[in-house]
């Protein structure tokens, strides 16, 4: 390995350590619009308050977002950046994942398309 490659590797490693703690969930079999309702509740909250909100929320997506939030906090503690009490959800967003296309039979030989949507959720924490 040449010296230049080692220098690049050190820079990449330093950038990775300095990056904000995050967690992402991909291909969740739930519509992004349903998940966004839950993510909007916790965006900007601190870690403890967000966990309390998600625990009391009745929506199905809340359990998935809560598990993702706990994963992000665990990633933070693993890196030694901080604990859940002094962390804040800096950014939380839901993107659309791949869409499964299915067909449903209708009257007179017709077919209707059914779109089974998936979601990609990302949570980024900050002090």
N, C-alpha and C. Protein backbone atom coordinates (compact mmCIF):
# COMPACT_ATOMS: atom_id res chain seq x y z
N UNK A 1 0.84 -1.18 0.00
CA UNK A 1 0.00 0.00 0.00
C UNK A 1 0.89 1.24 0.00
N UNK A 2 0.61 2.16 -0.88
CA UNK A 2 1.44 3.34 -0.98
C UNK A 2 1.11 4.35 0.12
N UNK A 3 1.97 5.32 0.29
CA UNK A 3 1.81 6.32 1.34
C UNK A 3 0.55 7.14 1.11
N UNK A 4 0.27 7.49 -0.12
CA UNK A 4 -0.91 8.31 -0.44
C UNK A 4 -2.20 7.56 -0.08
N UNK A 5 -2.24 6.28 -0.34
CA UNK A 5 -3.42 5.49 0.00
C UNK A 5 -3.62 5.42 1.51
N UNK A 6 -2.52 5.31 2.26
CA UNK A 6 -2.62 5.29 3.72
C UNK A 6 -3.14 6.62 4.24
N UNK A 7 -2.68 7.71 3.65
CA UNK A 7 -3.16 9.04 4.06
C UNK A 7 -4.65 9.19 3.79
N UNK A 8 -5.09 8.71 2.62
CA UNK A 8 -6.51 8.78 2.30
C UNK A 8 -7.33 7.94 3.27
N UNK A 9 -6.82 6.78 3.63
CA UNK A 9 -7.52 5.90 4.57
C UNK A 9 -7.65 6.57 5.93
N UNK A 10 -6.60 7.27 6.39
CA UNK A 10 -6.65 7.98 7.67
C UNK A 10 -7.70 9.09 7.62
N UNK A 11 -7.76 9.82 6.52
CA UNK A 11 -8.73 10.90 6.38
C UNK A 11 -10.15 10.35 6.40
N UNK A 12 -10.37 9.24 5.70
CA UNK A 12 -11.69 8.63 5.69
C UNK A 12 -12.10 8.15 7.07
N UNK A 13 -11.16 7.56 7.79
CA UNK A 13 -11.44 7.07 9.13
C UNK A 13 -11.76 8.22 10.08
N UNK A 14 -11.01 9.31 9.97
CA UNK A 14 -11.27 10.47 10.81
C UNK A 14 -12.63 11.08 10.50
N UNK A 15 -12.99 11.13 9.23
CA UNK A 15 -14.30 11.68 8.85
C UNK A 15 -15.43 10.79 9.34
N UNK A 16 -15.20 9.49 9.33
CA UNK A 16 -16.22 8.56 9.80
C UNK A 16 -16.43 8.70 11.30
N UNK A 17 -15.36 8.88 12.05
CA UNK A 17 -15.47 9.05 13.50
C UNK A 17 -16.14 10.38 13.83
N UNK A 18 -15.83 11.43 13.06
CA UNK A 18 -16.38 12.75 13.33
C UNK A 18 -17.83 12.88 12.85
N UNK A 19 -18.30 11.95 12.04
CA UNK A 19 -19.66 12.05 11.51
C UNK A 19 -20.67 11.93 12.64
N UNK A 20 -21.81 12.59 12.46
CA UNK A 20 -22.86 12.57 13.47
C UNK A 20 -23.42 11.16 13.60
N UNK A 21 -23.75 10.76 14.83
CA UNK A 21 -24.32 9.42 15.02
C UNK A 21 -25.67 9.31 14.34
N UNK A 22 -25.89 8.20 13.68
CA UNK A 22 -27.11 8.04 12.89
C UNK A 22 -27.52 6.59 12.85
N UNK A 23 -28.75 6.39 12.42
CA UNK A 23 -29.26 5.04 12.19
C UNK A 23 -30.26 5.13 11.06
N UNK A 24 -30.32 4.09 10.24
CA UNK A 24 -31.28 4.10 9.14
C UNK A 24 -31.93 2.74 9.00
N UNK A 25 -33.16 2.78 8.56
CA UNK A 25 -33.94 1.57 8.33
C UNK A 25 -34.40 1.63 6.89
N UNK A 26 -34.13 0.56 6.16
CA UNK A 26 -34.46 0.57 4.73
C UNK A 26 -35.49 -0.52 4.44
N UNK A 27 -36.32 -0.24 3.44
CA UNK A 27 -37.32 -1.18 2.92
C UNK A 27 -38.33 -1.62 3.96
N UNK A 28 -38.77 -0.68 4.79
CA UNK A 28 -39.86 -0.97 5.73
C UNK A 28 -41.15 -1.07 4.94
N UNK A 29 -41.89 -2.17 5.11
CA UNK A 29 -43.10 -2.41 4.31
C UNK A 29 -44.29 -1.61 4.86
N UNK A 30 -44.16 -0.28 4.75
CA UNK A 30 -45.20 0.62 5.18
C UNK A 30 -45.10 1.89 4.33
N UNK A 31 -46.23 2.48 4.07
CA UNK A 31 -46.26 3.67 3.23
C UNK A 31 -45.50 4.82 3.88
N UNK A 32 -44.70 5.57 3.10
CA UNK A 32 -43.95 6.69 3.67
C UNK A 32 -44.85 7.76 4.30
N UNK A 33 -46.03 7.97 3.74
CA UNK A 33 -46.91 9.00 4.30
C UNK A 33 -47.37 8.63 5.71
N UNK A 34 -47.56 7.33 5.98
CA UNK A 34 -47.95 6.89 7.32
C UNK A 34 -46.79 7.02 8.31
N UNK A 35 -45.59 6.75 7.84
CA UNK A 35 -44.42 6.84 8.72
C UNK A 35 -44.08 8.30 9.01
N UNK A 36 -44.28 9.19 8.03
CA UNK A 36 -43.97 10.60 8.22
C UNK A 36 -44.80 11.22 9.34
N UNK A 37 -46.04 10.74 9.53
CA UNK A 37 -46.88 11.26 10.61
C UNK A 37 -46.22 11.02 11.96
N UNK A 38 -45.57 9.89 12.12
CA UNK A 38 -44.92 9.55 13.39
C UNK A 38 -43.59 10.28 13.52
N UNK A 39 -42.82 10.34 12.45
CA UNK A 39 -41.51 10.98 12.50
C UNK A 39 -41.65 12.48 12.78
N UNK A 40 -42.71 13.09 12.28
CA UNK A 40 -42.94 14.51 12.53
C UNK A 40 -43.17 14.80 14.01
N UNK A 41 -43.67 13.82 14.76
CA UNK A 41 -43.91 14.01 16.19
C UNK A 41 -42.61 14.15 16.98
N UNK A 42 -41.56 13.46 16.55
CA UNK A 42 -40.33 13.43 17.35
C UNK A 42 -39.19 14.27 16.79
N UNK A 43 -39.35 14.84 15.62
CA UNK A 43 -38.27 15.64 15.03
C UNK A 43 -37.99 16.86 15.91
N UNK A 44 -36.73 17.05 16.29
CA UNK A 44 -36.34 18.18 17.12
C UNK A 44 -36.42 17.92 18.62
N UNK A 45 -36.96 16.80 19.05
CA UNK A 45 -37.08 16.47 20.47
C UNK A 45 -35.75 15.90 20.98
N UNK A 46 -35.59 15.91 22.31
CA UNK A 46 -34.41 15.22 22.84
C UNK A 46 -34.72 13.73 22.96
N UNK A 47 -33.70 12.93 23.22
CA UNK A 47 -33.84 11.49 23.16
C UNK A 47 -34.86 10.91 24.12
N UNK A 48 -34.89 11.40 25.36
CA UNK A 48 -35.80 10.87 26.36
C UNK A 48 -37.24 11.21 26.03
N UNK A 49 -37.49 12.48 25.64
CA UNK A 49 -38.85 12.90 25.29
C UNK A 49 -39.36 12.16 24.06
N UNK A 50 -38.49 11.98 23.08
CA UNK A 50 -38.90 11.28 21.85
C UNK A 50 -39.27 9.84 22.16
N UNK A 51 -38.51 9.20 23.04
CA UNK A 51 -38.81 7.81 23.40
C UNK A 51 -40.15 7.72 24.12
N UNK A 52 -40.44 8.70 24.98
CA UNK A 52 -41.72 8.71 25.69
C UNK A 52 -42.88 8.93 24.72
N UNK A 53 -42.71 9.82 23.76
CA UNK A 53 -43.75 10.09 22.77
C UNK A 53 -44.03 8.85 21.94
N UNK A 54 -42.97 8.19 21.49
CA UNK A 54 -43.14 7.00 20.65
C UNK A 54 -43.74 5.83 21.42
N UNK A 55 -43.43 5.73 22.70
CA UNK A 55 -43.99 4.66 23.51
C UNK A 55 -45.50 4.81 23.65
N UNK A 56 -45.97 6.04 23.75
CA UNK A 56 -47.40 6.29 23.94
C UNK A 56 -48.18 6.44 22.64
N UNK A 57 -47.49 6.51 21.51
CA UNK A 57 -48.16 6.69 20.22
C UNK A 57 -48.83 5.38 19.80
N UNK A 58 -50.06 5.47 19.26
CA UNK A 58 -50.84 4.29 18.91
C UNK A 58 -50.60 3.79 17.49
N UNK A 59 -49.82 4.50 16.71
CA UNK A 59 -49.63 4.11 15.32
C UNK A 59 -48.63 2.94 15.21
N UNK A 60 -48.83 2.12 14.18
CA UNK A 60 -47.97 0.95 13.97
C UNK A 60 -46.53 1.37 13.68
N UNK A 61 -46.35 2.47 12.99
CA UNK A 61 -45.01 2.93 12.62
C UNK A 61 -44.21 3.37 13.84
N UNK A 62 -44.88 3.68 14.95
CA UNK A 62 -44.18 4.18 16.14
C UNK A 62 -43.21 3.13 16.69
N UNK A 63 -43.58 1.87 16.64
CA UNK A 63 -42.69 0.83 17.16
C UNK A 63 -41.42 0.72 16.32
N UNK A 64 -41.55 0.88 15.01
CA UNK A 64 -40.38 0.82 14.13
C UNK A 64 -39.47 2.03 14.34
N UNK A 65 -40.07 3.21 14.49
CA UNK A 65 -39.27 4.43 14.70
C UNK A 65 -38.61 4.39 16.07
N UNK A 66 -39.31 3.85 17.08
CA UNK A 66 -38.73 3.73 18.42
C UNK A 66 -37.51 2.81 18.40
N UNK A 67 -37.62 1.70 17.72
CA UNK A 67 -36.50 0.76 17.62
C UNK A 67 -35.32 1.42 16.90
N UNK A 68 -35.60 2.21 15.88
CA UNK A 68 -34.55 2.91 15.14
C UNK A 68 -33.90 3.98 16.02
N UNK A 69 -34.71 4.70 16.81
CA UNK A 69 -34.17 5.71 17.71
C UNK A 69 -33.24 5.08 18.75
N UNK A 70 -33.66 3.94 19.30
CA UNK A 70 -32.81 3.25 20.28
C UNK A 70 -31.50 2.78 19.63
N UNK A 71 -31.57 2.38 18.37
CA UNK A 71 -30.37 1.99 17.65
C UNK A 71 -29.43 3.17 17.46
N UNK A 72 -29.99 4.34 17.14
CA UNK A 72 -29.17 5.54 16.96
C UNK A 72 -28.50 5.95 18.28
N UNK A 73 -29.24 5.84 19.38
CA UNK A 73 -28.67 6.17 20.70
C UNK A 73 -27.56 5.18 21.05
N UNK A 74 -27.77 3.90 20.74
CA UNK A 74 -26.74 2.89 21.00
C UNK A 74 -25.50 3.17 20.16
N UNK A 75 -25.68 3.60 18.92
CA UNK A 75 -24.55 3.96 18.06
C UNK A 75 -23.77 5.13 18.67
N UNK A 76 -24.50 6.07 19.25
CA UNK A 76 -23.87 7.23 19.87
C UNK A 76 -23.05 6.82 21.08
N UNK A 77 -23.64 5.97 21.93
CA UNK A 77 -22.92 5.52 23.11
C UNK A 77 -21.72 4.66 22.74
N UNK A 78 -21.84 3.91 21.66
CA UNK A 78 -20.72 3.08 21.20
C UNK A 78 -19.54 3.94 20.75
N UNK A 79 -19.85 5.06 20.09
CA UNK A 79 -18.80 5.96 19.65
C UNK A 79 -18.25 6.81 20.79
N UNK A 80 -18.97 6.85 21.92
CA UNK A 80 -18.52 7.64 23.06
C UNK A 80 -18.85 9.10 22.94
N UNK A 81 -19.83 9.45 22.13
CA UNK A 81 -20.19 10.86 21.92
C UNK A 81 -21.06 11.37 23.05
N UNK A 82 -22.00 10.58 23.55
CA UNK A 82 -22.88 11.03 24.62
C UNK A 82 -23.90 9.98 24.97
N UNK A 83 -24.84 10.37 25.83
CA UNK A 83 -25.91 9.45 26.24
C UNK A 83 -27.25 10.01 25.80
N UNK A 84 -28.31 9.27 26.04
CA UNK A 84 -29.64 9.62 25.53
C UNK A 84 -30.17 10.91 26.15
N UNK A 85 -29.76 11.22 27.39
CA UNK A 85 -30.33 12.39 28.08
C UNK A 85 -29.94 13.70 27.40
N UNK A 86 -28.73 13.78 26.89
CA UNK A 86 -28.28 15.04 26.30
C UNK A 86 -28.20 15.00 24.78
N UNK A 87 -28.90 14.06 24.16
CA UNK A 87 -28.93 13.99 22.70
C UNK A 87 -30.24 14.54 22.17
N UNK A 88 -30.19 15.09 21.00
CA UNK A 88 -31.36 15.67 20.35
C UNK A 88 -31.46 15.11 18.94
N UNK A 89 -32.67 14.90 18.48
CA UNK A 89 -32.86 14.43 17.10
C UNK A 89 -32.66 15.63 16.19
N UNK A 90 -31.51 15.67 15.55
CA UNK A 90 -31.16 16.79 14.67
C UNK A 90 -31.96 16.72 13.38
N UNK A 91 -31.96 15.56 12.75
CA UNK A 91 -32.65 15.36 11.49
C UNK A 91 -33.32 14.00 11.50
N UNK A 92 -34.54 13.96 11.03
CA UNK A 92 -35.25 12.69 10.86
C UNK A 92 -36.08 12.83 9.60
N UNK A 93 -35.89 11.91 8.67
CA UNK A 93 -36.66 12.00 7.43
C UNK A 93 -37.01 10.62 6.92
N UNK A 94 -38.06 10.60 6.10
CA UNK A 94 -38.57 9.36 5.52
C UNK A 94 -38.56 9.52 4.01
N UNK A 95 -37.88 8.61 3.34
CA UNK A 95 -37.85 8.60 1.88
C UNK A 95 -38.65 7.39 1.39
N UNK A 96 -39.03 7.46 0.13
CA UNK A 96 -39.75 6.34 -0.46
C UNK A 96 -38.75 5.29 -0.94
N UNK A 97 -39.01 4.06 -0.58
CA UNK A 97 -38.16 2.95 -1.01
C UNK A 97 -38.71 2.34 -2.29
N UNK A 98 -38.27 1.16 -2.64
CA UNK A 98 -38.78 0.50 -3.83
C UNK A 98 -40.26 0.16 -3.68
N UNK A 99 -40.98 0.23 -4.79
CA UNK A 99 -42.42 -0.05 -4.79
C UNK A 99 -42.67 -1.39 -5.46
N UNK A 100 -43.38 -2.27 -4.77
CA UNK A 100 -43.76 -3.55 -5.37
C UNK A 100 -45.06 -3.34 -6.13
N UNK A 101 -45.11 -3.80 -7.35
CA UNK A 101 -46.30 -3.62 -8.18
C UNK A 101 -47.03 -4.95 -8.31
N UNK A 102 -48.29 -4.94 -7.93
CA UNK A 102 -49.13 -6.14 -7.98
C UNK A 102 -50.39 -5.82 -8.77
N UNK A 103 -51.13 -6.87 -9.15
CA UNK A 103 -52.34 -6.71 -9.93
C UNK A 103 -53.52 -7.33 -9.20
N UNK A 104 -54.66 -6.68 -9.31
CA UNK A 104 -55.90 -7.17 -8.73
C UNK A 104 -56.92 -7.31 -9.85
N UNK A 105 -57.58 -8.45 -9.92
CA UNK A 105 -58.54 -8.64 -11.01
C UNK A 105 -59.81 -7.85 -10.73
N UNK A 106 -60.40 -7.31 -11.80
CA UNK A 106 -61.61 -6.49 -11.71
C UNK A 106 -62.64 -7.06 -12.68
N UNK A 107 -63.75 -6.37 -12.76
CA UNK A 107 -64.85 -6.84 -13.60
C UNK A 107 -64.50 -6.76 -15.09
N UNK A 108 -65.10 -7.65 -15.87
CA UNK A 108 -65.00 -7.67 -17.33
C UNK A 108 -63.55 -7.85 -17.80
N UNK A 109 -62.78 -8.65 -17.07
CA UNK A 109 -61.43 -8.99 -17.51
C UNK A 109 -60.40 -7.90 -17.32
N UNK A 110 -60.73 -6.88 -16.60
CA UNK A 110 -59.77 -5.79 -16.38
C UNK A 110 -58.86 -6.13 -15.19
N UNK A 111 -57.81 -5.35 -15.07
CA UNK A 111 -56.88 -5.50 -13.94
C UNK A 111 -56.56 -4.13 -13.39
N UNK A 112 -56.47 -4.03 -12.09
CA UNK A 112 -56.08 -2.78 -11.42
C UNK A 112 -54.72 -2.98 -10.77
N UNK A 113 -53.93 -1.97 -10.85
CA UNK A 113 -52.59 -2.03 -10.27
C UNK A 113 -52.67 -1.70 -8.79
N UNK A 114 -51.94 -2.47 -7.98
CA UNK A 114 -51.80 -2.20 -6.56
C UNK A 114 -50.34 -1.88 -6.31
N UNK A 115 -50.08 -0.75 -5.67
CA UNK A 115 -48.71 -0.35 -5.35
C UNK A 115 -48.46 -0.61 -3.87
N UNK A 116 -47.55 -1.50 -3.58
CA UNK A 116 -47.18 -1.79 -2.19
C UNK A 116 -45.90 -1.02 -1.91
N UNK A 117 -46.06 0.08 -1.20
CA UNK A 117 -44.96 1.01 -0.99
C UNK A 117 -44.08 0.61 0.18
N UNK A 118 -42.81 1.03 0.12
CA UNK A 118 -41.88 0.80 1.22
C UNK A 118 -41.24 2.13 1.60
N UNK A 119 -40.66 2.17 2.80
CA UNK A 119 -40.09 3.41 3.34
C UNK A 119 -38.64 3.20 3.72
N UNK A 120 -37.86 4.26 3.62
CA UNK A 120 -36.49 4.33 4.12
C UNK A 120 -36.47 5.44 5.16
N UNK A 121 -36.16 5.10 6.42
CA UNK A 121 -36.16 6.07 7.51
C UNK A 121 -34.71 6.31 7.95
N UNK A 122 -34.38 7.58 8.20
CA UNK A 122 -33.05 7.94 8.69
C UNK A 122 -33.19 8.90 9.87
N UNK A 123 -32.47 8.61 10.95
CA UNK A 123 -32.45 9.49 12.12
C UNK A 123 -30.99 9.88 12.39
N UNK A 124 -30.75 11.19 12.51
CA UNK A 124 -29.42 11.71 12.81
C UNK A 124 -29.51 12.47 14.13
N UNK A 125 -28.63 12.12 15.07
CA UNK A 125 -28.63 12.74 16.40
C UNK A 125 -27.54 13.78 16.51
N UNK A 126 -27.74 14.68 17.50
CA UNK A 126 -26.76 15.73 17.75
C UNK A 126 -26.81 16.09 19.23
N UNK A 127 -25.76 16.70 19.73
CA UNK A 127 -25.74 17.12 21.14
C UNK A 127 -26.63 18.32 21.36
